[in-house]
């Protein structure tokens, strides 16, 4: 069980990071404002709906991976 959750956490983390990178690439390609990628995390940039969905899915997956990591260390002592 803990082995499966360990790998699930890794898959969720990688999928979340890839999703965030996909949204950043989509924004950069659409707007040609590659310097805006740096400010994406602390300042609002104008994203369209598809970019925003990829970004939010990525953030949610990374958050779930972190919660799963905490649960693994709390309950299974990996």
PDB file of N, CA and C in Angstrom:
ATOM      1  N   UNK A   1       0.827  -1.201   0.000  1.00  0.00           N
ATOM      2  CA  UNK A   1       0.000   0.000   0.000  1.00  0.00           C
ATOM      3  C   UNK A   1       0.863   1.253   0.000  1.00  0.00           C
ATOM      4  N   UNK A   2       1.838   1.315   0.892  1.00  0.00           N
ATOM      5  CA  UNK A   2       2.671   2.509   0.950  1.00  0.00           C
ATOM      6  C   UNK A   2       3.546   2.630  -0.291  1.00  0.00           C
ATOM      7  N   UNK A   3       3.907   1.498  -0.909  1.00  0.00           N
ATOM      8  CA  UNK A   3       4.685   1.537  -2.142  1.00  0.00           C
ATOM      9  C   UNK A   3       3.858   2.171  -3.268  1.00  0.00           C
ATOM     10  N   UNK A   4       2.592   1.809  -3.355  1.00  0.00           N
ATOM     11  CA  UNK A   4       1.707   2.378  -4.367  1.00  0.00           C
ATOM     12  C   UNK A   4       1.491   3.868  -4.136  1.00  0.00           C
ATOM     13  N   UNK A   5       1.281   4.258  -2.899  1.00  0.00           N
ATOM     14  CA  UNK A   5       1.089   5.679  -2.595  1.00  0.00           C
ATOM     15  C   UNK A   5       2.367   6.474  -2.847  1.00  0.00           C
ATOM     16  N   UNK A   6       3.515   5.852  -2.599  1.00  0.00           N
ATOM     17  CA  UNK A   6       4.793   6.508  -2.871  1.00  0.00           C
ATOM     18  C   UNK A   6       4.904   6.860  -4.351  1.00  0.00           C
ATOM     19  N   UNK A   7       4.607   5.899  -5.213  1.00  0.00           N
ATOM     20  CA  UNK A   7       4.711   6.155  -6.646  1.00  0.00           C
ATOM     21  C   UNK A   7       3.579   7.047  -7.155  1.00  0.00           C
ATOM     22  N   UNK A   8       2.411   6.958  -6.551  1.00  0.00           N
ATOM     23  CA  UNK A   8       1.311   7.843  -6.915  1.00  0.00           C
ATOM     24  C   UNK A   8       1.681   9.293  -6.627  1.00  0.00           C
ATOM     25  N   UNK A   9       2.328   9.509  -5.518  1.00  0.00           N
ATOM     26  CA  UNK A   9       2.775  10.854  -5.168  1.00  0.00           C
ATOM     27  C   UNK A   9       3.769  11.387  -6.191  1.00  0.00           C
ATOM     28  N   UNK A  10       4.699  10.554  -6.622  1.00  0.00           N
ATOM     29  CA  UNK A  10       5.689  10.971  -7.629  1.00  0.00           C
ATOM     30  C   UNK A  10       5.015  11.284  -8.963  1.00  0.00           C
ATOM     31  N   UNK A  11       4.063  10.440  -9.366  1.00  0.00           N
ATOM     32  CA  UNK A  11       3.357  10.652 -10.638  1.00  0.00           C
ATOM     33  C   UNK A  11       2.543  11.948 -10.586  1.00  0.00           C
ATOM     34  N   UNK A  12       1.864  12.188  -9.473  1.00  0.00           N
ATOM     35  CA  UNK A  12       1.077  13.417  -9.334  1.00  0.00           C
ATOM     36  C   UNK A  12       1.970  14.658  -9.373  1.00  0.00           C
ATOM     37  N   UNK A  13       3.107  14.583  -8.735  1.00  0.00           N
ATOM     38  CA  UNK A  13       4.032  15.711  -8.713  1.00  0.00           C
ATOM     39  C   UNK A  13       4.560  16.012 -10.116  1.00  0.00           C
ATOM     40  N   UNK A  14       4.987  14.989 -10.825  1.00  0.00           N
ATOM     41  CA  UNK A  14       5.504  15.190 -12.180  1.00  0.00           C
ATOM     42  C   UNK A  14       4.402  15.678 -13.111  1.00  0.00           C
ATOM     43  N   UNK A  15       3.198  15.101 -12.992  1.00  0.00           N
ATOM     44  CA  UNK A  15       2.079  15.542 -13.832  1.00  0.00           C
ATOM     45  C   UNK A  15       1.722  17.000 -13.544  1.00  0.00           C
ATOM     46  N   UNK A  16       1.770  17.398 -12.282  1.00  0.00           N
ATOM     47  CA  UNK A  16       1.484  18.783 -11.924  1.00  0.00           C
ATOM     48  C   UNK A  16       2.517  19.749 -12.475  1.00  0.00           C
ATOM     49  N   UNK A  17       3.773  19.383 -12.371  1.00  0.00           N
ATOM     50  CA  UNK A  17       4.837  20.246 -12.892  1.00  0.00           C
ATOM     51  C   UNK A  17       4.737  20.350 -14.412  1.00  0.00           C
ATOM     52  N   UNK A  18       4.470  19.226 -15.079  1.00  0.00           N
ATOM     53  CA  UNK A  18       4.315  19.257 -16.537  1.00  0.00           C
ATOM     54  C   UNK A  18       3.104  20.090 -16.954  1.00  0.00           C
ATOM     55  N   UNK A  19       2.055  20.037 -16.182  1.00  0.00           N
ATOM     56  CA  UNK A  19       0.867  20.830 -16.478  1.00  0.00           C
ATOM     57  C   UNK A  19       1.158  22.328 -16.336  1.00  0.00           C
ATOM     58  N   UNK A  20       1.867  22.703 -15.298  1.00  0.00           N
ATOM     59  CA  UNK A  20       2.237  24.112 -15.107  1.00  0.00           C
ATOM     60  C   UNK A  20       3.160  24.577 -16.232  1.00  0.00           C
ATOM     61  N   UNK A  21       4.126  23.734 -16.600  1.00  0.00           N
ATOM     62  CA  UNK A  21       5.033  24.085 -17.699  1.00  0.00           C
ATOM     63  C   UNK A  21       4.279  24.201 -19.026  1.00  0.00           C
ATOM     64  N   UNK A  22       3.269  23.358 -19.224  1.00  0.00           N
ATOM     65  CA  UNK A  22       2.460  23.438 -20.434  1.00  0.00           C
ATOM     66  C   UNK A  22       1.716  24.766 -20.500  1.00  0.00           C
ATOM     67  N   UNK A  23       1.137  25.176 -19.391  1.00  0.00           N
ATOM     68  CA  UNK A  23       0.422  26.459 -19.389  1.00  0.00           C
ATOM     69  C   UNK A  23       1.382  27.616 -19.623  1.00  0.00           C
ATOM     70  N   UNK A  24       2.581  27.528 -19.065  1.00  0.00           N
ATOM     71  CA  UNK A  24       3.560  28.588 -19.279  1.00  0.00           C
ATOM     72  C   UNK A  24       3.993  28.645 -20.743  1.00  0.00           C
ATOM     73  N   UNK A  25       4.184  27.483 -21.344  1.00  0.00           N
ATOM     74  CA  UNK A  25       4.558  27.442 -22.756  1.00  0.00           C
ATOM     75  C   UNK A  25       3.436  27.986 -23.636  1.00  0.00           C
ATOM     76  N   UNK A  26       2.197  27.623 -23.322  1.00  0.00           N
ATOM     77  CA  UNK A  26       1.059  28.117 -24.103  1.00  0.00           C
ATOM     78  C   UNK A  26       0.956  29.640 -24.006  1.00  0.00           C
ATOM     79  N   UNK A  27       1.152  30.177 -22.800  1.00  0.00           N
ATOM     80  CA  UNK A  27       1.097  31.630 -22.614  1.00  0.00           C
ATOM     81  C   UNK A  27       2.225  32.319 -23.380  1.00  0.00           C
ATOM     82  N   UNK A  28       3.426  31.790 -23.265  1.00  0.00           N
ATOM     83  CA  UNK A  28       4.562  32.401 -23.952  1.00  0.00           C
ATOM     84  C   UNK A  28       4.420  32.368 -25.454  1.00  0.00           C
ATOM     85  N   UNK A  29       3.912  31.279 -25.980  1.00  0.00           N
ATOM     86  CA  UNK A  29       3.731  31.163 -27.422  1.00  0.00           C
ATOM     87  C   UNK A  29       2.632  32.096 -27.925  1.00  0.00           C
ATOM     88  N   UNK A  30       1.565  32.223 -27.146  1.00  0.00           N
ATOM     89  CA  UNK A  30       0.455  33.079 -27.566  1.00  0.00           C
ATOM     90  C   UNK A  30       0.825  34.553 -27.491  1.00  0.00           C
ATOM     91  N   UNK A  31       1.446  34.958 -26.391  1.00  0.00           N
ATOM     92  CA  UNK A  31       1.678  36.381 -26.161  1.00  0.00           C
ATOM     93  C   UNK A  31       3.047  36.864 -26.626  1.00  0.00           C
ATOM     94  N   UNK A  32       3.952  35.964 -26.875  1.00  0.00           N
ATOM     95  CA  UNK A  32       5.343  36.293 -27.224  1.00  0.00           C
ATOM     96  C   UNK A  32       6.014  37.117 -26.129  1.00  0.00           C
ATOM     97  N   UNK A  33       5.499  37.032 -24.944  1.00  0.00           N
ATOM     98  CA  UNK A  33       6.061  37.736 -23.781  1.00  0.00           C
ATOM     99  C   UNK A  33       6.730  36.708 -22.883  1.00  0.00           C
ATOM    100  N   UNK A  34       7.909  36.296 -23.271  1.00  0.00           N
ATOM    101  CA  UNK A  34       8.589  35.245 -22.522  1.00  0.00           C
ATOM    102  C   UNK A  34       9.102  35.759 -21.180  1.00  0.00           C
ATOM    103  N   UNK A  35       9.262  37.059 -21.023  1.00  0.00           N
ATOM    104  CA  UNK A  35       9.654  37.591 -19.717  1.00  0.00           C
ATOM    105  C   UNK A  35       8.491  37.542 -18.736  1.00  0.00           C
ATOM    106  N   UNK A  36       7.271  37.449 -19.249  1.00  0.00           N
ATOM    107  CA  UNK A  36       6.103  37.341 -18.385  1.00  0.00           C
ATOM    108  C   UNK A  36       6.035  36.023 -17.641  1.00  0.00           C
ATOM    109  N   UNK A  37       6.747  35.018 -18.137  1.00  0.00           N
ATOM    110  CA  UNK A  37       6.754  33.725 -17.455  1.00  0.00           C
ATOM    111  C   UNK A  37       7.372  33.816 -16.074  1.00  0.00           C
ATOM    112  N   UNK A  38       8.359  34.680 -15.932  1.00  0.00           N
ATOM    113  CA  UNK A  38       9.018  34.843 -14.640  1.00  0.00           C
ATOM    114  C   UNK A  38       8.069  35.489 -13.640  1.00  0.00           C
ATOM    115  N   UNK A  39       7.266  36.412 -14.105  1.00  0.00           N
ATOM    116  CA  UNK A  39       6.359  37.129 -13.207  1.00  0.00           C
ATOM    117  C   UNK A  39       5.045  36.397 -12.994  1.00  0.00           C
ATOM    118  N   UNK A  40       4.859  35.254 -13.633  1.00  0.00           N
ATOM    119  CA  UNK A  40       3.585  34.535 -13.549  1.00  0.00           C
ATOM    120  C   UNK A  40       3.252  34.108 -12.122  1.00  0.00           C
ATOM    121  N   UNK A  41       4.244  33.850 -11.302  1.00  0.00           N
ATOM    122  CA  UNK A  41       3.994  33.307  -9.974  1.00  0.00           C
ATOM    123  C   UNK A  41       3.708  34.367  -8.916  1.00  0.00           C
ATOM    124  N   UNK A  42       4.115  35.616  -9.147  1.00  0.00           N
ATOM    125  CA  UNK A  42       3.863  36.631  -8.127  1.00  0.00           C
ATOM    126  C   UNK A  42       3.128  37.854  -8.658  1.00  0.00           C
ATOM    127  N   UNK A  43       2.766  37.846  -9.905  1.00  0.00           N
ATOM    128  CA  UNK A  43       2.046  38.967 -10.489  1.00  0.00           C
ATOM    129  C   UNK A  43       1.056  38.401 -11.508  1.00  0.00           C
ATOM    130  N   UNK A  44      -0.076  39.054 -11.657  1.00  0.00           N
ATOM    131  CA  UNK A  44      -1.093  38.548 -12.587  1.00  0.00           C
ATOM    132  C   UNK A  44      -0.686  38.813 -14.025  1.00  0.00           C
ATOM    133  N   UNK A  45      -0.824  37.785 -14.839  1.00  0.00           N
ATOM    134  CA  UNK A  45      -0.645  37.933 -16.278  1.00  0.00           C
ATOM    135  C   UNK A  45      -1.967  37.548 -16.935  1.00  0.00           C
ATOM    136  N   UNK A  46      -2.198  38.062 -18.117  1.00  0.00           N
ATOM    137  CA  UNK A  46      -3.453  37.804 -18.820  1.00  0.00           C
ATOM    138  C   UNK A  46      -3.392  36.445 -19.513  1.00  0.00           C
ATOM    139  N   UNK A  47      -3.988  35.454 -18.879  1.00  0.00           N
ATOM    140  CA  UNK A  47      -4.035  34.114 -19.444  1.00  0.00           C
ATOM    141  C   UNK A  47      -5.424  33.883 -20.037  1.00  0.00           C
ATOM    142  N   UNK A  48      -5.469  33.103 -21.118  1.00  0.00           N
ATOM    143  CA  UNK A  48      -6.791  32.737 -21.626  1.00  0.00           C
ATOM    144  C   UNK A  48      -7.301  31.522 -20.845  1.00  0.00           C
ATOM    145  N   UNK A  49      -8.482  31.053 -21.182  1.00  0.00           N
ATOM    146  CA  UNK A  49      -9.134  30.007 -20.382  1.00  0.00           C
ATOM    147  C   UNK A  49      -8.347  28.707 -20.392  1.00  0.00           C
ATOM    148  N   UNK A  50      -7.853  28.299 -21.558  1.00  0.00           N
ATOM    149  CA  UNK A  50      -7.117  27.033 -21.657  1.00  0.00           C
ATOM    150  C   UNK A  50      -5.831  27.078 -20.835  1.00  0.00           C
ATOM    151  N   UNK A  51      -5.107  28.181 -20.919  1.00  0.00           N
ATOM    152  CA  UNK A  51      -3.867  28.321 -20.148  1.00  0.00           C
ATOM    153  C   UNK A  51      -4.160  28.303 -18.653  1.00  0.00           C
ATOM    154  N   UNK A  52      -5.208  28.993 -18.262  1.00  0.00           N
ATOM    155  CA  UNK A  52      -5.564  29.055 -16.845  1.00  0.00           C
ATOM    156  C   UNK A  52      -5.972  27.682 -16.312  1.00  0.00           C
ATOM    157  N   UNK A  53      -6.713  26.908 -17.120  1.00  0.00           N
ATOM    158  CA  UNK A  53      -7.101  25.563 -16.698  1.00  0.00           C
ATOM    159  C   UNK A  53      -5.891  24.674 -16.495  1.00  0.00           C
ATOM    160  N   UNK A  54      -4.947  24.695 -17.438  1.00  0.00           N
ATOM    161  CA  UNK A  54      -3.731  23.894 -17.279  1.00  0.00           C
ATOM    162  C   UNK A  54      -2.968  24.318 -16.029  1.00  0.00           C
ATOM    163  N   UNK A  55      -2.890  25.639 -15.791  1.00  0.00           N
ATOM    164  CA  UNK A  55      -2.167  26.160 -14.632  1.00  0.00           C
ATOM    165  C   UNK A  55      -2.820  25.708 -13.324  1.00  0.00           C
ATOM    166  N   UNK A  56      -4.136  25.828 -13.230  1.00  0.00           N
ATOM    167  CA  UNK A  56      -4.838  25.443 -11.998  1.00  0.00           C
ATOM    168  C   UNK A  56      -4.806  23.941 -11.764  1.00  0.00           C
ATOM    169  N   UNK A  57      -4.919  23.160 -12.833  1.00  0.00           N
ATOM    170  CA  UNK A  57      -4.801  21.705 -12.683  1.00  0.00           C
ATOM    171  C   UNK A  57      -3.417  21.345 -12.177  1.00  0.00           C
ATOM    172  N   UNK A  58      -2.404  21.996 -12.699  1.00  0.00           N
ATOM    173  CA  UNK A  58      -1.034  21.744 -12.253  1.00  0.00           C
ATOM    174  C   UNK A  58      -0.828  22.096 -10.790  1.00  0.00           C
ATOM    175  N   UNK A  59      -1.342  23.242 -10.388  1.00  0.00           N
ATOM    176  CA  UNK A  59      -1.216  23.655  -8.985  1.00  0.00           C
ATOM    177  C   UNK A  59      -1.962  22.676  -8.080  1.00  0.00           C
ATOM    178  N   UNK A  60      -3.143  22.249  -8.507  1.00  0.00           N
ATOM    179  CA  UNK A  60      -3.922  21.296  -7.706  1.00  0.00           C
ATOM    180  C   UNK A  60      -3.196  19.950  -7.587  1.00  0.00           C
ATOM    181  N   UNK A  61      -2.606  19.471  -8.672  1.00  0.00           N
ATOM    182  CA  UNK A  61      -1.889  18.197  -8.627  1.00  0.00           C
ATOM    183  C   UNK A  61      -0.660  18.272  -7.725  1.00  0.00           C
ATOM    184  N   UNK A  62       0.055  19.381  -7.799  1.00  0.00           N
ATOM    185  CA  UNK A  62       1.221  19.552  -6.923  1.00  0.00           C
ATOM    186  C   UNK A  62       0.776  19.616  -5.465  1.00  0.00           C
ATOM    187  N   UNK A  63      -0.321  20.302  -5.196  1.00  0.00           N
ATOM    188  CA  UNK A  63      -0.839  20.388  -3.831  1.00  0.00           C
ATOM    189  C   UNK A  63      -1.263  19.006  -3.307  1.00  0.00           C
ATOM    190  N   UNK A  64      -1.938  18.230  -4.139  1.00  0.00           N
ATOM    191  CA  UNK A  64      -2.337  16.876  -3.740  1.00  0.00           C
ATOM    192  C   UNK A  64      -1.100  16.011  -3.488  1.00  0.00           C
ATOM    193  N   UNK A  65      -0.069  16.168  -4.314  1.00  0.00           N
ATOM    194  CA  UNK A  65       1.166  15.406  -4.117  1.00  0.00           C
ATOM    195  C   UNK A  65       1.831  15.764  -2.785  1.00  0.00           C
ATOM    196  N   UNK A  66       1.811  17.033  -2.424  1.00  0.00           N
ATOM    197  CA  UNK A  66       2.406  17.455  -1.148  1.00  0.00           C
ATOM    198  C   UNK A  66       1.597  16.904   0.021  1.00  0.00           C
ATOM    199  N   UNK A  67       0.281  16.958  -0.069  1.00  0.00           N
ATOM    200  CA  UNK A  67      -0.566  16.411   0.997  1.00  0.00           C
ATOM    201  C   UNK A  67      -0.342  14.907   1.121  1.00  0.00           C
ATOM    202  N   UNK A  68      -0.223  14.221   0.001  1.00  0.00           N
ATOM    203  CA  UNK A  68       0.039  12.788   0.017  1.00  0.00           C
ATOM    204  C   UNK A  68       1.403  12.486   0.642  1.00  0.00           C
ATOM    205  N   UNK A  69       2.387  13.320   0.376  1.00  0.00           N
ATOM    206  CA  UNK A  69       3.717  13.157   0.967  1.00  0.00           C
ATOM    207  C   UNK A  69       3.648  13.293   2.489  1.00  0.00           C
ATOM    208  N   UNK A  70       2.923  14.291   2.953  1.00  0.00           N
ATOM    209  CA  UNK A  70       2.770  14.485   4.398  1.00  0.00           C
ATOM    210  C   UNK A  70       2.035  13.296   5.012  1.00  0.00           C
ATOM    211  N   UNK A  71       1.000  12.810   4.333  1.00  0.00           N
ATOM    212  CA  UNK A  71       0.252  11.657   4.840  1.00  0.00           C
ATOM    213  C   UNK A  71       1.123  10.415   4.882  1.00  0.00           C
ATOM    214  N   UNK A  72       1.967  10.229   3.876  1.00  0.00           N
ATOM    215  CA  UNK A  72       2.862   9.075   3.864  1.00  0.00           C
ATOM    216  C   UNK A  72       3.820   9.112   5.044  1.00  0.00           C
ATOM    217  N   UNK A  73       4.413  10.287   5.282  1.00  0.00           N
ATOM    218  CA  UNK A  73       5.346  10.389   6.397  1.00  0.00           C
ATOM    219  C   UNK A  73       4.658  10.336   7.753  1.00  0.00           C
ATOM    220  N   UNK A  74       3.397  10.745   7.795  1.00  0.00           N
ATOM    221  CA  UNK A  74       2.682  10.716   9.060  1.00  0.00           C
ATOM    222  C   UNK A  74       2.174   9.317   9.421  1.00  0.00           C
ATOM    223  N   UNK A  75       1.580   8.634   8.459  1.00  0.00           N
ATOM    224  CA  UNK A  75       0.916   7.377   8.755  1.00  0.00           C
ATOM    225  C   UNK A  75       1.744   6.143   8.442  1.00  0.00           C
ATOM    226  N   UNK A  76       2.638   6.207   7.454  1.00  0.00           N
ATOM    227  CA  UNK A  76       3.370   5.026   7.062  1.00  0.00           C
ATOM    228  C   UNK A  76       4.854   5.085   7.407  1.00  0.00           C
ATOM    229  N   UNK A  77       5.328   6.251   7.815  1.00  0.00           N
ATOM    230  CA  UNK A  77       6.724   6.422   8.201  1.00  0.00           C
ATOM    231  C   UNK A  77       7.685   5.869   7.149  1.00  0.00           C
ATOM    232  N   UNK A  78       7.534   6.362   5.930  1.00  0.00           N
ATOM    233  CA  UNK A  78       8.384   5.908   4.825  1.00  0.00           C
ATOM    234  C   UNK A  78       9.786   6.390   5.023  1.00  0.00           C
TER     235      UNK A  78
END
